[in-house]
Amino acid sequence: MTRNLANRLRDVARYPRRSPATFVVLILLAINGIVVGGLMSEPAADRLLADISTNLDNLDHHPFRAMAGSLLVADVHGTLFGNVTTIGFGIGVCMAVLERRIGTVRAVGVTLLGHVGATLLTTVVLIAAIHAGTYPEDTRYTLDYGVSYASMAAIAAVTPLLAKPLRPLWALGCLLYPFSSVQWYGDLPDFTTIGHVSAALIGLGAGFLFTGRWRPGSGRPLSRTALVPTAPDPLPEVAGNGRAEP
């Protein structure tokens, strides 16, 4: 038991070196969560979150600030389970796996593409649905921030790294999970559900693209423990430029 504990501690100590981008993102989310959720006054925190939200009004006036700011703040009003799933599993585990298997640049690219792509697709749906009267007019001001789109993209992107029998179930779970808390407006789900499904689709596409293009002929799936970021990699690590590395 002592030896296993020592091995685990060494694995944890190697985590920042093996998954540097993921580690930086986790640190930023932790710091911002502490500052926004604990150190700032509630009115000041609310003003900040309203300013970085990716709602239609902010995307129209300051799109870059909204896109970047919303990505680096944890959902301070979310549930513990939601934050553990989004940050702990989606970023801390799945993004780390991607970083070691397809490279830092591509892993970061998958998560950013999930965040930006899902936000833009959701924006199109919002504009059309508000114009059609399906969504209420005040939906354009609804707060929408956090790393959940990026996290969902990372979770979906590990699909091709799993054993083949697990891939359809994993992909289906990624697409259905957002509907666990859906709110319907007629036949249209709420925009956050659409955003998470969009992020999952983006992650699936990017995952198969990257693992197929740069690992031709590789049929070696993740082992049972490979989704634990502190466990040794079943495959050699890849350079941070992504030429050969989750």
Protein backbone atom coordinates (compact mmCIF):
# COMPACT_ATOMS: atom_id res chain seq x y z
CA MET A 1 0.00 0.00 0.00
CA THR A 2 2.84 2.37 0.86
CA ARG A 3 4.49 1.67 -2.49
CA ASN A 4 1.23 2.28 -4.39
CA LEU A 5 0.70 5.54 -2.54
CA ALA A 6 4.24 6.65 -3.35
CA ASN A 7 3.69 5.80 -7.02
CA ARG A 8 0.46 7.80 -7.07
CA LEU A 9 2.17 10.79 -5.48
CA ARG A 10 4.92 10.64 -8.09
CA ASP A 11 2.29 10.49 -10.84
CA VAL A 12 0.55 13.55 -9.39
CA ALA A 13 3.87 15.39 -9.21
CA ARG A 14 4.47 14.64 -12.91
CA TYR A 15 1.02 15.90 -13.93
CA PRO A 16 2.09 19.53 -14.63
CA ARG A 17 4.98 18.37 -16.82
CA ARG A 18 2.95 15.82 -18.76
CA SER A 19 -0.13 18.05 -19.20
CA PRO A 20 1.15 21.63 -18.91
CA ALA A 21 -1.71 23.41 -20.69
CA THR A 22 -4.35 21.51 -18.72
CA PHE A 23 -2.54 22.31 -15.49
CA VAL A 24 -2.44 26.03 -16.33
CA VAL A 25 -6.15 26.05 -17.18
CA LEU A 26 -6.99 24.33 -13.88
CA ILE A 27 -4.90 26.85 -11.94
CA LEU A 28 -6.58 29.78 -13.70
CA LEU A 29 -10.05 28.36 -13.07
CA ALA A 30 -9.20 27.77 -9.41
CA ILE A 31 -7.85 31.28 -8.92
CA ASN A 32 -10.75 32.92 -10.74
CA GLY A 33 -13.24 30.76 -8.85
CA ILE A 34 -11.76 31.81 -5.52
CA VAL A 35 -11.63 35.49 -6.48
CA VAL A 36 -15.07 35.71 -8.08
CA GLY A 37 -16.83 33.26 -5.80
CA GLY A 38 -15.24 34.25 -2.50
CA LEU A 39 -13.10 37.39 -2.43
CA MET A 40 -15.19 39.76 -4.53
CA SER A 41 -18.34 41.29 -3.15
CA GLU A 42 -21.52 39.84 -4.58
CA PRO A 43 -22.45 42.99 -6.54
CA ALA A 44 -18.94 43.24 -8.01
CA ALA A 45 -18.94 39.55 -8.93
CA ASP A 46 -22.34 39.88 -10.56
CA ARG A 47 -21.15 42.87 -12.61
CA LEU A 48 -18.08 40.95 -13.77
CA LEU A 49 -20.09 37.88 -14.77
CA ALA A 50 -22.60 40.06 -16.59
CA ASP A 51 -19.74 41.70 -18.49
CA ILE A 52 -18.08 38.45 -19.63
CA SER A 53 -21.27 36.53 -20.40
CA THR A 54 -21.55 35.39 -24.02
CA ASN A 55 -25.11 36.65 -24.38
CA LEU A 56 -26.18 38.44 -27.55
CA ASP A 57 -25.74 41.93 -26.14
CA ASN A 58 -22.14 41.33 -25.04
CA LEU A 59 -21.18 39.49 -28.23
CA ASP A 60 -22.46 42.46 -30.17
CA HIS A 61 -20.52 45.06 -28.16
CA HIS A 62 -17.34 43.25 -27.02
CA PRO A 63 -17.14 39.73 -28.51
CA PHE A 64 -13.48 39.00 -27.72
CA ARG A 65 -13.76 39.98 -24.07
CA ALA A 66 -16.92 37.92 -23.68
CA MET A 67 -15.46 34.87 -25.44
CA ALA A 68 -12.16 34.92 -23.53
CA GLY A 69 -13.54 35.97 -20.16
CA SER A 70 -16.36 33.44 -20.10
CA LEU A 71 -13.90 30.62 -20.82
CA LEU A 72 -11.68 31.36 -17.81
CA VAL A 73 -14.31 31.63 -15.08
CA ALA A 74 -15.81 28.66 -13.30
CA ASP A 75 -19.56 28.50 -12.76
CA VAL A 76 -19.51 29.92 -9.24
CA HIS A 77 -23.29 29.50 -8.98
CA GLY A 78 -23.25 25.92 -10.27
CA THR A 79 -23.64 22.68 -8.31
CA LEU A 80 -20.71 20.73 -6.88
CA PHE A 81 -21.50 17.77 -9.15
CA GLY A 82 -21.66 20.03 -12.19
CA ASN A 83 -18.31 21.65 -11.44
CA VAL A 84 -16.62 18.34 -10.66
CA THR A 85 -17.91 16.91 -13.94
CA THR A 86 -17.07 19.99 -15.99
CA ILE A 87 -13.74 21.00 -14.50
CA GLY A 88 -12.47 17.88 -12.75
CA PHE A 89 -13.39 15.28 -15.36
CA GLY A 90 -13.79 17.27 -18.59
CA ILE A 91 -10.73 19.47 -18.18
CA GLY A 92 -8.62 17.76 -15.52
CA VAL A 93 -8.94 14.27 -17.00
CA CYS A 94 -10.10 14.36 -20.62
CA MET A 95 -8.17 17.44 -21.74
CA ALA A 96 -5.07 16.00 -20.03
CA VAL A 97 -5.54 12.71 -21.90
CA LEU A 98 -5.89 14.58 -25.17
CA GLU A 99 -2.81 16.66 -24.43
CA ARG A 100 -0.66 13.58 -23.89
CA ARG A 101 -2.03 11.66 -26.85
CA ILE A 102 -2.42 14.26 -29.62
CA GLY A 103 -0.20 17.08 -28.34
CA THR A 104 -0.67 20.28 -26.37
CA VAL A 105 -1.45 22.49 -29.36
CA ARG A 106 -4.15 20.20 -30.70
CA ALA A 107 -5.65 19.52 -27.27
CA VAL A 108 -5.95 23.24 -26.64
CA GLY A 109 -7.34 23.63 -30.15
CA VAL A 110 -10.08 21.07 -29.50
CA THR A 111 -11.23 22.80 -26.32
CA LEU A 112 -11.09 26.28 -27.83
CA LEU A 113 -12.93 25.12 -30.94
CA GLY A 114 -15.60 23.57 -28.74
CA HIS A 115 -16.03 26.80 -26.77
CA VAL A 116 -15.98 29.22 -29.69
CA GLY A 117 -17.80 27.00 -32.17
CA ALA A 118 -20.61 26.07 -29.79
CA THR A 119 -21.01 29.70 -28.72
CA LEU A 120 -21.29 30.90 -32.32
CA LEU A 121 -23.75 28.15 -33.28
CA THR A 122 -25.82 28.95 -30.20
CA THR A 123 -25.78 32.63 -31.12
CA VAL A 124 -27.30 31.85 -34.52
CA VAL A 125 -30.03 29.77 -32.87
CA LEU A 126 -30.69 32.50 -30.32
CA ILE A 127 -31.11 35.19 -32.94
CA ALA A 128 -33.45 33.05 -35.04
CA ALA A 129 -35.48 31.77 -32.07
CA ILE A 130 -35.94 35.22 -30.51
CA HIS A 131 -36.91 36.65 -33.89
CA ALA A 132 -39.45 33.85 -34.34
CA GLY A 133 -40.84 34.33 -30.85
CA THR A 134 -39.79 30.85 -29.69
CA TYR A 135 -37.42 32.21 -27.06
CA PRO A 136 -38.54 35.18 -24.92
CA GLU A 137 -36.94 38.51 -25.77
CA ASP A 138 -35.03 38.72 -22.50
CA THR A 139 -33.08 35.58 -23.46
CA ARG A 140 -30.64 37.87 -25.26
CA TYR A 141 -29.46 39.06 -21.82
CA THR A 142 -29.33 35.67 -20.07
CA LEU A 143 -25.98 35.00 -18.42
CA ASP A 144 -23.91 32.35 -20.18
CA TYR A 145 -20.34 31.85 -18.99
CA GLY A 146 -17.98 29.08 -17.94
CA VAL A 147 -15.80 26.38 -19.41
CA SER A 148 -18.55 23.79 -19.93
CA TYR A 149 -18.59 23.94 -23.76
CA ALA A 150 -14.84 23.41 -23.87
CA SER A 151 -15.15 20.63 -21.31
CA MET A 152 -17.87 18.84 -23.29
CA ALA A 153 -15.73 19.04 -26.43
CA ALA A 154 -12.80 17.46 -24.56
CA ILE A 155 -14.98 14.68 -23.15
CA ALA A 156 -16.35 13.86 -26.60
CA ALA A 157 -12.93 14.12 -28.26
CA VAL A 158 -11.52 11.17 -26.29
CA THR A 159 -14.10 8.87 -27.95
CA PRO A 160 -11.74 7.50 -30.65
CA LEU A 161 -9.16 6.74 -27.98
CA LEU A 162 -11.48 4.24 -26.28
CA ALA A 163 -11.94 0.59 -27.14
CA LYS A 164 -14.19 0.24 -30.19
CA PRO A 165 -17.15 -1.34 -28.32
CA LEU A 166 -17.23 1.64 -25.94
CA ARG A 167 -17.09 4.39 -28.55
CA PRO A 168 -20.79 4.42 -29.60
CA LEU A 169 -21.95 4.39 -25.98
CA TRP A 170 -19.52 7.15 -25.00
CA ALA A 171 -20.50 9.31 -27.97
CA LEU A 172 -24.20 8.74 -27.31
CA GLY A 173 -23.73 9.66 -23.67
CA CYS A 174 -21.99 12.91 -24.65
CA LEU A 175 -24.89 13.84 -26.93
CA LEU A 176 -27.65 12.86 -24.49
CA TYR A 177 -26.16 14.16 -21.23
CA PRO A 178 -27.03 17.83 -21.98
CA PHE A 179 -30.71 16.84 -22.10
CA SER A 180 -30.61 15.77 -18.44
CA SER A 181 -31.47 19.35 -17.45
CA VAL A 182 -33.17 20.59 -20.61
CA GLN A 183 -35.90 23.22 -20.69
CA TRP A 184 -38.14 23.11 -23.72
CA TYR A 185 -39.61 26.07 -25.61
CA GLY A 186 -42.11 24.30 -27.79
CA ASP A 187 -40.08 21.87 -29.87
CA LEU A 188 -36.80 23.74 -29.25
CA PRO A 189 -34.54 23.01 -26.27
CA ASP A 190 -32.95 25.85 -24.32
CA PHE A 191 -29.86 27.40 -25.87
CA THR A 192 -27.38 25.97 -23.34
CA THR A 193 -28.50 22.44 -24.23
CA ILE A 194 -27.99 23.27 -27.89
CA GLY A 195 -24.56 24.66 -27.04
CA HIS A 196 -23.46 21.54 -25.19
CA VAL A 197 -24.70 19.21 -27.92
CA SER A 198 -22.88 21.38 -30.49
CA ALA A 199 -19.69 21.24 -28.41
CA ALA A 200 -19.97 17.45 -28.19
CA LEU A 201 -20.35 17.16 -31.96
CA ILE A 202 -17.36 19.45 -32.49
CA GLY A 203 -15.31 17.39 -30.04
CA LEU A 204 -16.26 14.14 -31.74
CA GLY A 205 -15.29 15.46 -35.15
CA ALA A 206 -12.01 16.95 -33.94
CA GLY A 207 -11.12 13.85 -31.95
CA PHE A 208 -11.53 11.49 -34.89
CA LEU A 209 -9.78 13.94 -37.22
CA PHE A 210 -6.72 14.41 -35.04
CA THR A 211 -6.30 10.82 -33.90
CA GLY A 212 -6.89 9.51 -37.41
CA ARG A 213 -4.65 11.92 -39.29
CA TRP A 214 -1.63 11.85 -37.03
CA ARG A 215 -1.88 8.28 -35.79
CA PRO A 216 -2.60 6.34 -39.00
CA GLY A 217 -3.24 2.65 -38.52
CA SER A 218 -3.16 2.93 -34.75
CA GLY A 219 -5.82 0.71 -33.25
CA ARG A 220 -4.58 0.79 -29.67
CA PRO A 221 -7.39 2.07 -27.46
CA LEU A 222 -7.07 3.58 -24.02
CA SER A 223 -6.63 1.09 -21.23
CA ARG A 224 -9.10 0.96 -18.37
CA THR A 225 -6.96 3.32 -16.33
CA ALA A 226 -5.99 5.69 -19.12
CA LEU A 227 -8.70 8.19 -18.24
CA VAL A 228 -7.01 8.71 -14.88
CA PRO A 229 -4.62 11.59 -15.63
CA THR A 230 -2.11 10.53 -13.00
CA ALA A 231 -1.70 7.02 -14.39
CA PRO A 232 1.21 6.17 -16.70
CA ASP A 233 0.50 6.56 -20.38
CA PRO A 234 -0.03 3.36 -22.34
CA LEU A 235 1.64 5.03 -25.30
CA PRO A 236 4.72 7.25 -25.55
CA GLU A 237 4.22 10.91 -24.92
CA VAL A 238 4.18 13.31 -27.80
CA ALA A 239 5.85 16.64 -28.28
CA GLY A 240 3.95 19.77 -27.25
CA ASN A 241 3.75 20.82 -30.86
CA GLY A 242 1.40 17.85 -31.38
CA ARG A 243 3.50 16.16 -34.07
CA ALA A 244 2.96 12.79 -32.53
CA GLU A 245 1.57 12.87 -28.85
CA PRO A 246 -3.85 12.88 -24.73
